[in-house]
Every structure is written in C-alpha cells, then in structure tokens.
Amino acid sequence: MLWALGMGAVTLSGGMVLYTLGSRTLPAAEATLLSLTEVLLAPLWVWLLLGEGGRATTFAGGAILLGAVVLHALAAARRGPVRLGSGQAGQERTAP
C-alpha cells in the first residue's frame, strides 16, 4: 500500500512539474490541448494494461480526436516558433 502511495506521489508531482515547465514555452491553449491527450489515451491504457474492453465507438472517437491534436501540432510546427511574453497583443508568433 505504501509503495502505491509513493508511486502516485512521484508520478503526480513529476507530471505537474513537467507540465509547469512546458507551459512556459507553449501558449496556454496549446498546453491545454496537449494535456487533454491524457483523457484521450485513458481507454487505450485501460485496454492494454487491465484488459478491459471498450466499445469500438470509444476507440474510434479517441482516434479522431487524437488525430486532430496531432494535425494541430504539425500545423503549429509549420507556422514557426512561438514568442511568449512580448507584451503586445496580436503578435504571438514570429514572422517567417
């Protein structure tokens, strides 16, 4: 029982530290979108690790949303680097 509590504390605090560090380099909307992948992948992890089956529509919906997140990330990578903290509204991205 103590081992499980320790693992939970380490993984939860480690994940929050990494999320906080990552949020310094990403716009808030993109950080939020990326954090939703945890929810999208939960049925997959339950199926792989615990053997519980899900409905085909659950996995299809998750695949569609995960594909949208990947396409958004690829589009953002093509637009170029993000400049945060400039203090000027409407100028989040640098010119190509």
PDB file of N, CA and C in Angstrom:
ATOM      1  N   MET A   1       0.831  -1.196   0.000  1.00  0.00           N
ATOM      2  CA  MET A   1       0.000   0.000   0.000  1.00  0.00           C
ATOM      3  C   MET A   1       0.873   1.257   0.000  1.00  0.00           C
ATOM      4  N   LEU A   2       1.914   1.245   0.815  1.00  0.00           N
ATOM      5  CA  LEU A   2       2.810   2.400   0.881  1.00  0.00           C
ATOM      6  C   LEU A   2       3.533   2.604  -0.445  1.00  0.00           C
ATOM      7  N   TRP A   3       3.859   1.497  -1.107  1.00  0.00           N
ATOM      8  CA  TRP A   3       4.518   1.577  -2.401  1.00  0.00           C
ATOM      9  C   TRP A   3       3.618   2.274  -3.417  1.00  0.00           C
ATOM     10  N   ALA A   4       2.335   1.929  -3.420  1.00  0.00           N
ATOM     11  CA  ALA A   4       1.389   2.539  -4.357  1.00  0.00           C
ATOM     12  C   ALA A   4       1.234   4.029  -4.072  1.00  0.00           C
ATOM     13  N   LEU A   5       1.196   4.412  -2.807  1.00  0.00           N
ATOM     14  CA  LEU A   5       1.103   5.829  -2.456  1.00  0.00           C
ATOM     15  C   LEU A   5       2.341   6.590  -2.930  1.00  0.00           C
ATOM     16  N   GLY A   6       3.514   5.982  -2.745  1.00  0.00           N
ATOM     17  CA  GLY A   6       4.751   6.614  -3.201  1.00  0.00           C
ATOM     18  C   GLY A   6       4.787   6.779  -4.710  1.00  0.00           C
ATOM     19  N   MET A   7       4.351   5.741  -5.434  1.00  0.00           N
ATOM     20  CA  MET A   7       4.320   5.834  -6.898  1.00  0.00           C
ATOM     21  C   MET A   7       3.354   6.928  -7.346  1.00  0.00           C
ATOM     22  N   GLY A   8       2.212   7.007  -6.699  1.00  0.00           N
ATOM     23  CA  GLY A   8       1.240   8.042  -7.056  1.00  0.00           C
ATOM     24  C   GLY A   8       1.787   9.430  -6.802  1.00  0.00           C
ATOM     25  N   ALA A   9       2.451   9.598  -5.663  1.00  0.00           N
ATOM     26  CA  ALA A   9       3.004  10.918  -5.328  1.00  0.00           C
ATOM     27  C   ALA A   9       4.110  11.313  -6.301  1.00  0.00           C
ATOM     28  N   VAL A  10       4.956  10.360  -6.662  1.00  0.00           N
ATOM     29  CA  VAL A  10       6.067  10.666  -7.576  1.00  0.00           C
ATOM     30  C   VAL A  10       5.545  10.965  -8.978  1.00  0.00           C
ATOM     31  N   THR A  11       4.633  10.137  -9.482  1.00  0.00           N
ATOM     32  CA  THR A  11       4.164  10.358 -10.844  1.00  0.00           C
ATOM     33  C   THR A  11       3.306  11.614 -10.945  1.00  0.00           C
ATOM     34  N   LEU A  12       2.493  11.872  -9.942  1.00  0.00           N
ATOM     35  CA  LEU A  12       1.650  13.067  -9.983  1.00  0.00           C
ATOM     36  C   LEU A  12       2.494  14.332  -9.874  1.00  0.00           C
ATOM     37  N   SER A  13       3.400  14.367  -8.899  1.00  0.00           N
ATOM     38  CA  SER A  13       4.215  15.575  -8.743  1.00  0.00           C
ATOM     39  C   SER A  13       5.183  15.736  -9.916  1.00  0.00           C
ATOM     40  N   GLY A  14       5.729  14.634 -10.418  1.00  0.00           N
ATOM     41  CA  GLY A  14       6.630  14.717 -11.568  1.00  0.00           C
ATOM     42  C   GLY A  14       5.918  15.225 -12.806  1.00  0.00           C
ATOM     43  N   GLY A  15       4.711  14.738 -13.021  1.00  0.00           N
ATOM     44  CA  GLY A  15       3.930  15.200 -14.166  1.00  0.00           C
ATOM     45  C   GLY A  15       3.583  16.672 -14.064  1.00  0.00           C
ATOM     46  N   MET A  16       3.236  17.120 -12.882  1.00  0.00           N
ATOM     47  CA  MET A  16       2.888  18.538 -12.700  1.00  0.00           C
ATOM     48  C   MET A  16       4.109  19.440 -12.892  1.00  0.00           C
ATOM     49  N   VAL A  17       5.270  18.992 -12.431  1.00  0.00           N
ATOM     50  CA  VAL A  17       6.495  19.784 -12.621  1.00  0.00           C
ATOM     51  C   VAL A  17       6.809  19.895 -14.115  1.00  0.00           C
ATOM     52  N   LEU A  18       6.723  18.780 -14.833  1.00  0.00           N
ATOM     53  CA  LEU A  18       6.998  18.813 -16.269  1.00  0.00           C
ATOM     54  C   LEU A  18       5.972  19.657 -17.020  1.00  0.00           C
ATOM     55  N   TYR A  19       4.704  19.574 -16.619  1.00  0.00           N
ATOM     56  CA  TYR A  19       3.668  20.392 -17.261  1.00  0.00           C
ATOM     57  C   TYR A  19       3.920  21.877 -17.018  1.00  0.00           C
ATOM     58  N   THR A  20       4.316  22.223 -15.805  1.00  0.00           N
ATOM     59  CA  THR A  20       4.600  23.625 -15.478  1.00  0.00           C
ATOM     60  C   THR A  20       5.793  24.136 -16.279  1.00  0.00           C
ATOM     61  N   LEU A  21       6.832  23.338 -16.386  1.00  0.00           N
ATOM     62  CA  LEU A  21       7.994  23.751 -17.179  1.00  0.00           C
ATOM     63  C   LEU A  21       7.636  23.890 -18.653  1.00  0.00           C
ATOM     64  N   GLY A  22       6.832  22.969 -19.166  1.00  0.00           N
ATOM     65  CA  GLY A  22       6.423  23.036 -20.564  1.00  0.00           C
ATOM     66  C   GLY A  22       5.510  24.209 -20.851  1.00  0.00           C
ATOM     67  N   SER A  23       4.696  24.588 -19.874  1.00  0.00           N
ATOM     68  CA  SER A  23       3.757  25.690 -20.101  1.00  0.00           C
ATOM     69  C   SER A  23       4.473  27.038 -20.228  1.00  0.00           C
ATOM     70  N   ARG A  24       5.715  27.081 -19.863  1.00  0.00           N
ATOM     71  CA  ARG A  24       6.486  28.317 -20.041  1.00  0.00           C
ATOM     72  C   ARG A  24       6.870  28.545 -21.494  1.00  0.00           C
ATOM     73  N   THR A  25       6.859  27.486 -22.293  1.00  0.00           N
ATOM     74  CA  THR A  25       7.275  27.620 -23.688  1.00  0.00           C
ATOM     75  C   THR A  25       6.130  27.462 -24.684  1.00  0.00           C
ATOM     76  N   LEU A  26       4.933  27.161 -24.193  1.00  0.00           N
ATOM     77  CA  LEU A  26       3.776  26.988 -25.069  1.00  0.00           C
ATOM     78  C   LEU A  26       2.698  27.995 -24.731  1.00  0.00           C
ATOM     79  N   PRO A  27       1.928  28.412 -25.717  1.00  0.00           N
ATOM     80  CA  PRO A  27       0.748  29.221 -25.410  1.00  0.00           C
ATOM     81  C   PRO A  27      -0.244  28.396 -24.578  1.00  0.00           C
ATOM     82  N   ALA A  28      -1.057  29.060 -23.805  1.00  0.00           N
ATOM     83  CA  ALA A  28      -1.972  28.382 -22.890  1.00  0.00           C
ATOM     84  C   ALA A  28      -2.927  27.439 -23.617  1.00  0.00           C
ATOM     85  N   ALA A  29      -3.431  27.847 -24.762  1.00  0.00           N
ATOM     86  CA  ALA A  29      -4.373  26.998 -25.499  1.00  0.00           C
ATOM     87  C   ALA A  29      -3.715  25.700 -25.955  1.00  0.00           C
ATOM     88  N   GLU A  30      -2.470  25.763 -26.397  1.00  0.00           N
ATOM     89  CA  GLU A  30      -1.780  24.559 -26.846  1.00  0.00           C
ATOM     90  C   GLU A  30      -1.419  23.657 -25.668  1.00  0.00           C
ATOM     91  N   ALA A  31      -1.028  24.233 -24.550  1.00  0.00           N
ATOM     92  CA  ALA A  31      -0.730  23.426 -23.369  1.00  0.00           C
ATOM     93  C   ALA A  31      -1.982  22.700 -22.887  1.00  0.00           C
ATOM     94  N   THR A  32      -3.114  23.373 -22.919  1.00  0.00           N
ATOM     95  CA  THR A  32      -4.368  22.749 -22.514  1.00  0.00           C
ATOM     96  C   THR A  32      -4.745  21.636 -23.474  1.00  0.00           C
ATOM     97  N   LEU A  33      -4.591  21.869 -24.763  1.00  0.00           N
ATOM     98  CA  LEU A  33      -4.909  20.853 -25.759  1.00  0.00           C
ATOM     99  C   LEU A  33      -4.030  19.620 -25.576  1.00  0.00           C
ATOM    100  N   LEU A  34      -2.761  19.826 -25.319  1.00  0.00           N
ATOM    101  CA  LEU A  34      -1.867  18.691 -25.104  1.00  0.00           C
ATOM    102  C   LEU A  34      -2.177  17.945 -23.813  1.00  0.00           C
ATOM    103  N   SER A  35      -2.629  18.664 -22.790  1.00  0.00           N
ATOM    104  CA  SER A  35      -2.957  17.986 -21.540  1.00  0.00           C
ATOM    105  C   SER A  35      -4.200  17.113 -21.681  1.00  0.00           C
ATOM    106  N   LEU A  36      -5.041  17.398 -22.664  1.00  0.00           N
ATOM    107  CA  LEU A  36      -6.232  16.574 -22.895  1.00  0.00           C
ATOM    108  C   LEU A  36      -5.898  15.217 -23.499  1.00  0.00           C
ATOM    109  N   THR A  37      -4.690  15.033 -24.001  1.00  0.00           N
ATOM    110  CA  THR A  37      -4.329  13.731 -24.549  1.00  0.00           C
ATOM    111  C   THR A  37      -4.326  12.659 -23.465  1.00  0.00           C
ATOM    112  N   GLU A  38      -4.136  13.049 -22.210  1.00  0.00           N
ATOM    113  CA  GLU A  38      -4.213  12.080 -21.110  1.00  0.00           C
ATOM    114  C   GLU A  38      -5.604  11.457 -21.062  1.00  0.00           C
ATOM    115  N   VAL A  39      -6.630  12.280 -21.195  1.00  0.00           N
ATOM    116  CA  VAL A  39      -8.002  11.790 -21.181  1.00  0.00           C
ATOM    117  C   VAL A  39      -8.283  10.954 -22.432  1.00  0.00           C
ATOM    118  N   LEU A  40      -7.758  11.377 -23.567  1.00  0.00           N
ATOM    119  CA  LEU A  40      -7.985  10.646 -24.802  1.00  0.00           C
ATOM    120  C   LEU A  40      -7.344   9.266 -24.786  1.00  0.00           C
ATOM    121  N   LEU A  41      -6.189   9.153 -24.148  1.00  0.00           N
ATOM    122  CA  LEU A  41      -5.472   7.881 -24.147  1.00  0.00           C
ATOM    123  C   LEU A  41      -5.877   6.954 -23.006  1.00  0.00           C
ATOM    124  N   ALA A  42      -6.677   7.420 -22.063  1.00  0.00           N
ATOM    125  CA  ALA A  42      -7.063   6.602 -20.911  1.00  0.00           C
ATOM    126  C   ALA A  42      -7.735   5.285 -21.318  1.00  0.00           C
ATOM    127  N   PRO A  43      -8.711   5.274 -22.239  1.00  0.00           N
ATOM    128  CA  PRO A  43      -9.293   3.976 -22.619  1.00  0.00           C
ATOM    129  C   PRO A  43      -8.275   3.018 -23.231  1.00  0.00           C
ATOM    130  N   LEU A  44      -7.309   3.554 -23.961  1.00  0.00           N
ATOM    131  CA  LEU A  44      -6.278   2.701 -24.543  1.00  0.00           C
ATOM    132  C   LEU A  44      -5.424   2.054 -23.462  1.00  0.00           C
ATOM    133  N   TRP A  45      -5.009   2.831 -22.468  1.00  0.00           N
ATOM    134  CA  TRP A  45      -4.196   2.285 -21.380  1.00  0.00           C
ATOM    135  C   TRP A  45      -4.968   1.250 -20.573  1.00  0.00           C
ATOM    136  N   VAL A  46      -6.248   1.506 -20.323  1.00  0.00           N
ATOM    137  CA  VAL A  46      -7.079   0.539 -19.594  1.00  0.00           C
ATOM    138  C   VAL A  46      -7.190  -0.754 -20.380  1.00  0.00           C
ATOM    139  N   TRP A  47      -7.361  -0.644 -21.686  1.00  0.00           N
ATOM    140  CA  TRP A  47      -7.462  -1.838 -22.518  1.00  0.00           C
ATOM    141  C   TRP A  47      -6.136  -2.605 -22.545  1.00  0.00           C
ATOM    142  N   LEU A  48      -5.022  -1.888 -22.700  1.00  0.00           N
ATOM    143  CA  LEU A  48      -3.719  -2.562 -22.780  1.00  0.00           C
ATOM    144  C   LEU A  48      -3.267  -3.140 -21.448  1.00  0.00           C
ATOM    145  N   LEU A  49      -3.413  -2.371 -20.370  1.00  0.00           N
ATOM    146  CA  LEU A  49      -2.848  -2.788 -19.088  1.00  0.00           C
ATOM    147  C   LEU A  49      -3.787  -3.631 -18.236  1.00  0.00           C
ATOM    148  N   LEU A  50      -5.084  -3.386 -18.311  1.00  0.00           N
ATOM    149  CA  LEU A  50      -6.027  -4.096 -17.461  1.00  0.00           C
ATOM    150  C   LEU A  50      -6.884  -5.097 -18.218  1.00  0.00           C
ATOM    151  N   GLY A  51      -6.840  -5.047 -19.521  1.00  0.00           N
ATOM    152  CA  GLY A  51      -7.584  -5.999 -20.320  1.00  0.00           C
ATOM    153  C   GLY A  51      -9.076  -5.715 -20.412  1.00  0.00           C
ATOM    154  N   GLU A  52      -9.517  -4.575 -19.958  1.00  0.00           N
ATOM    155  CA  GLU A  52     -10.929  -4.229 -20.065  1.00  0.00           C
ATOM    156  C   GLU A  52     -11.217  -3.747 -21.480  1.00  0.00           C
ATOM    157  N   GLY A  53     -12.265  -4.283 -22.043  1.00  0.00           N
ATOM    158  CA  GLY A  53     -12.615  -3.915 -23.404  1.00  0.00           C
ATOM    159  C   GLY A  53     -13.477  -2.668 -23.447  1.00  0.00           C
ATOM    160  N   GLY A  54     -13.317  -1.910 -24.473  1.00  0.00           N
ATOM    161  CA  GLY A  54     -14.145  -0.736 -24.693  1.00  0.00           C
ATOM    162  C   GLY A  54     -14.940  -0.913 -25.972  1.00  0.00           C
ATOM    163  N   ARG A  55     -15.893  -0.051 -26.164  1.00  0.00           N
ATOM    164  CA  ARG A  55     -16.674  -0.105 -27.394  1.00  0.00           C
ATOM    165  C   ARG A  55     -15.839   0.422 -28.551  1.00  0.00           C
ATOM    166  N   ALA A  56     -16.148  -0.052 -29.720  1.00  0.00           N
ATOM    167  CA  ALA A  56     -15.415   0.385 -30.921  1.00  0.00           C
ATOM    168  C   ALA A  56     -15.596   1.876 -31.141  1.00  0.00           C
ATOM    169  N   THR A  57     -16.769   2.401 -30.797  1.00  0.00           N
ATOM    170  CA  THR A  57     -17.011   3.830 -30.985  1.00  0.00           C
ATOM    171  C   THR A  57     -16.142   4.666 -30.043  1.00  0.00           C
ATOM    172  N   THR A  58     -15.830   4.133 -28.865  1.00  0.00           N
ATOM    173  CA  THR A  58     -14.944   4.846 -27.933  1.00  0.00           C
ATOM    174  C   THR A  58     -13.560   5.008 -28.533  1.00  0.00           C
ATOM    175  N   PHE A  59     -13.036   3.911 -29.082  1.00  0.00           N
ATOM    176  CA  PHE A  59     -11.703   3.961 -29.677  1.00  0.00           C
ATOM    177  C   PHE A  59     -11.694   4.782 -30.973  1.00  0.00           C
ATOM    178  N   ALA A  60     -12.770   4.715 -31.737  1.00  0.00           N
ATOM    179  CA  ALA A  60     -12.842   5.500 -32.970  1.00  0.00           C
ATOM    180  C   ALA A  60     -12.892   6.996 -32.660  1.00  0.00           C
ATOM    181  N   GLY A  61     -13.688   7.365 -31.678  1.00  0.00           N
ATOM    182  CA  GLY A  61     -13.759   8.774 -31.273  1.00  0.00           C
ATOM    183  C   GLY A  61     -12.435   9.273 -30.736  1.00  0.00           C
ATOM    184  N   GLY A  62     -11.764   8.449 -29.930  1.00  0.00           N
ATOM    185  CA  GLY A  62     -10.455   8.825 -29.414  1.00  0.00           C
ATOM    186  C   GLY A  62      -9.430   8.975 -30.512  1.00  0.00           C
ATOM    187  N   ALA A  63      -9.492   8.098 -31.510  1.00  0.00           N
ATOM    188  CA  ALA A  63      -8.553   8.188 -32.638  1.00  0.00           C
ATOM    189  C   ALA A  63      -8.780   9.460 -33.445  1.00  0.00           C
ATOM    190  N   ILE A  64     -10.048   9.829 -33.626  1.00  0.00           N
ATOM    191  CA  ILE A  64     -10.347  11.059 -34.368  1.00  0.00           C
ATOM    192  C   ILE A  64      -9.821  12.278 -33.623  1.00  0.00           C
ATOM    193  N   LEU A  65     -10.081  12.342 -32.313  1.00  0.00           N
ATOM    194  CA  LEU A  65      -9.619  13.495 -31.531  1.00  0.00           C
ATOM    195  C   LEU A  65      -8.097  13.529 -31.413  1.00  0.00           C
ATOM    196  N   LEU A  66      -7.485  12.376 -31.240  1.00  0.00           N
ATOM    197  CA  LEU A  66      -6.021  12.332 -31.168  1.00  0.00           C
ATOM    198  C   LEU A  66      -5.412  12.741 -32.505  1.00  0.00           C
ATOM    199  N   GLY A  67      -6.036  12.340 -33.606  1.00  0.00           N
ATOM    200  CA  GLY A  67      -5.577  12.781 -34.923  1.00  0.00           C
ATOM    201  C   GLY A  67      -5.672  14.291 -35.075  1.00  0.00           C
ATOM    202  N   ALA A  68      -6.742  14.884 -34.532  1.00  0.00           N
ATOM    203  CA  ALA A  68      -6.886  16.341 -34.590  1.00  0.00           C
ATOM    204  C   ALA A  68      -5.788  17.032 -33.782  1.00  0.00           C
ATOM    205  N   VAL A  69      -5.434  16.470 -32.637  1.00  0.00           N
ATOM    206  CA  VAL A  69      -4.353  17.048 -31.827  1.00  0.00           C
ATOM    207  C   VAL A  69      -3.027  16.964 -32.571  1.00  0.00           C
ATOM    208  N   VAL A  70      -2.771  15.832 -33.212  1.00  0.00           N
ATOM    209  CA  VAL A  70      -1.522  15.659 -33.975  1.00  0.00           C
ATOM    210  C   VAL A  70      -1.479  16.622 -35.158  1.00  0.00           C
ATOM    211  N   LEU A  71      -2.585  16.755 -35.876  1.00  0.00           N
ATOM    212  CA  LEU A  71      -2.620  17.693 -37.009  1.00  0.00           C
ATOM    213  C   LEU A  71      -2.427  19.134 -36.542  1.00  0.00           C
ATOM    214  N   HIS A  72      -3.001  19.484 -35.399  1.00  0.00           N
ATOM    215  CA  HIS A  72      -2.805  20.830 -34.854  1.00  0.00           C
ATOM    216  C   HIS A  72      -1.331  21.056 -34.502  1.00  0.00           C
ATOM    217  N   ALA A  73      -0.701  20.052 -33.908  1.00  0.00           N
ATOM    218  CA  ALA A  73       0.715  20.178 -33.546  1.00  0.00           C
ATOM    219  C   ALA A  73       1.590  20.318 -34.795  1.00  0.00           C
ATOM    220  N   LEU A  74       1.271  19.563 -35.843  1.00  0.00           N
ATOM    221  CA  LEU A  74       2.037  19.674 -37.082  1.00  0.00           C
ATOM    222  C   LEU A  74       1.845  21.032 -37.742  1.00  0.00           C
ATOM    223  N   ALA A  75       0.623  21.541 -37.717  1.00  0.00           N
ATOM    224  CA  ALA A  75       0.361  22.865 -38.295  1.00  0.00           C
ATOM    225  C   ALA A  75       1.086  23.947 -37.504  1.00  0.00           C
ATOM    226  N   ALA A  76       1.105  23.813 -36.185  1.00  0.00           N
ATOM    227  CA  ALA A  76       1.816  24.792 -35.356  1.00  0.00           C
ATOM    228  C   ALA A  76       3.317  24.736 -35.606  1.00  0.00           C
ATOM    229  N   ALA A  77       3.842  23.538 -35.848  1.00  0.00           N
ATOM    230  CA  ALA A  77       5.277  23.404 -36.126  1.00  0.00           C
ATOM    231  C   ALA A  77       5.632  24.054 -37.460  1.00  0.00           C
ATOM    232  N   ARG A  78       4.731  23.990 -38.424  1.00  0.00           N
ATOM    233  CA  ARG A  78       4.988  24.609 -39.727  1.00  0.00           C
ATOM    234  C   ARG A  78       4.924  26.127 -39.670  1.00  0.00           C
ATOM    235  N   ARG A  79       4.121  26.663 -38.719  1.00  0.00           N
ATOM    236  CA  ARG A  79       3.989  28.121 -38.611  1.00  0.00           C
ATOM    237  C   ARG A  79       5.236  28.771 -38.048  1.00  0.00           C
ATOM    238  N   GLY A  80       6.022  28.041 -37.319  1.00  0.00           N
ATOM    239  CA  GLY A  80       7.249  28.600 -36.785  1.00  0.00           C
ATOM    240  C   GLY A  80       7.227  28.714 -35.281  1.00  0.00           C
ATOM    241  N   PRO A  81       8.313  29.215 -34.711  1.00  0.00           N
ATOM    242  CA  PRO A  81       8.432  29.292 -33.252  1.00  0.00           C
ATOM    243  C   PRO A  81       7.465  30.313 -32.653  1.00  0.00           C
ATOM    244  N   VAL A  82       7.161  30.087 -31.399  1.00  0.00           N
ATOM    245  CA  VAL A  82       6.243  30.954 -30.667  1.00  0.00           C
ATOM    246  C   VAL A  82       7.062  31.894 -29.795  1.00  0.00           C
ATOM    247  N   ARG A  83       6.704  33.178 -29.823  1.00  0.00           N
ATOM    248  CA  ARG A  83       7.376  34.158 -28.973  1.00  0.00           C
ATOM    249  C   ARG A  83       6.405  34.527 -27.855  1.00  0.00           C
ATOM    250  N   LEU A  84       6.733  34.148 -26.636  1.00  0.00           N
ATOM    251  CA  LEU A  84       5.869  34.421 -25.493  1.00  0.00           C
ATOM    252  C   LEU A  84       6.387  35.610 -24.705  1.00  0.00           C
ATOM    253  N   GLY A  85       5.465  36.285 -24.052  1.00  0.00           N
ATOM    254  CA  GLY A  85       5.856  37.365 -23.150  1.00  0.00           C
ATOM    255  C   GLY A  85       6.284  38.636 -23.846  1.00  0.00           C
ATOM    256  N   SER A  86       5.837  38.861 -25.085  1.00  0.00           N
ATOM    257  CA  SER A  86       6.244  40.082 -25.789  1.00  0.00           C
ATOM    258  C   SER A  86       5.501  41.309 -25.270  1.00  0.00           C
ATOM    259  N   GLY A  87       4.325  41.057 -24.652  1.00  0.00           N
ATOM    260  CA  GLY A  87       3.557  42.179 -24.098  1.00  0.00           C
ATOM    261  C   GLY A  87       2.728  42.911 -25.131  1.00  0.00           C
ATOM    262  N   GLN A  88       2.760  42.480 -26.380  1.00  0.00           N
ATOM    263  CA  GLN A  88       1.992  43.132 -27.433  1.00  0.00           C
ATOM    264  C   GLN A  88       0.921  42.179 -27.923  1.00  0.00           C
ATOM    265  N   ALA A  89      -0.320  42.600 -27.829  1.00  0.00           N
ATOM    266  CA  ALA A  89      -1.430  41.760 -28.251  1.00  0.00           C
ATOM    267  C   ALA A  89      -1.393  41.558 -29.751  1.00  0.00           C
ATOM    268  N   GLY A  90      -1.762  40.350 -30.174  1.00  0.00           N
ATOM    269  CA  GLY A  90      -1.843  40.049 -31.596  1.00  0.00           C
ATOM    270  C   GLY A  90      -0.525  39.705 -32.257  1.00  0.00           C
ATOM    271  N   GLN A  91       0.566  39.645 -31.513  1.00  0.00           N
ATOM    272  CA  GLN A  91       1.864  39.305 -32.085  1.00  0.00           C
ATOM    273  C   GLN A  91       2.479  38.132 -31.325  1.00  0.00           C
ATOM    274  N   GLU A  92       1.773  36.988 -31.347  1.00  0.00           N
ATOM    275  CA  GLU A  92       2.268  35.835 -30.626  1.00  0.00           C
ATOM    276  C   GLU A  92       3.357  35.089 -31.388  1.00  0.00           C
ATOM    277  N   ARG A  93       3.237  35.027 -32.693  1.00  0.00           N
ATOM    278  CA  ARG A  93       4.171  34.250 -33.494  1.00  0.00           C
ATOM    279  C   ARG A  93       5.139  35.165 -34.232  1.00  0.00           C
ATOM    280  N   THR A  94       6.328  34.675 -34.435  1.00  0.00           N
ATOM    281  CA  THR A  94       7.316  35.455 -35.163  1.00  0.00           C
ATOM    282  C   THR A  94       7.038  35.344 -36.647  1.00  0.00           C
ATOM    283  N   ALA A  95       7.483  36.303 -37.405  1.00  0.00           N
ATOM    284  CA  ALA A  95       7.284  36.289 -38.860  1.00  0.00           C
ATOM    285  C   ALA A  95       8.215  35.254 -39.480  1.00  0.00           C
ATOM    286  N   PRO A  96       7.748  34.559 -40.520  1.00  0.00           N
ATOM    287  CA  PRO A  96       8.600  33.530 -41.164  1.00  0.00           C
ATOM    288  C   PRO A  96       9.768  34.137 -41.908  1.00  0.00           C
TER     289      PRO A  96
END
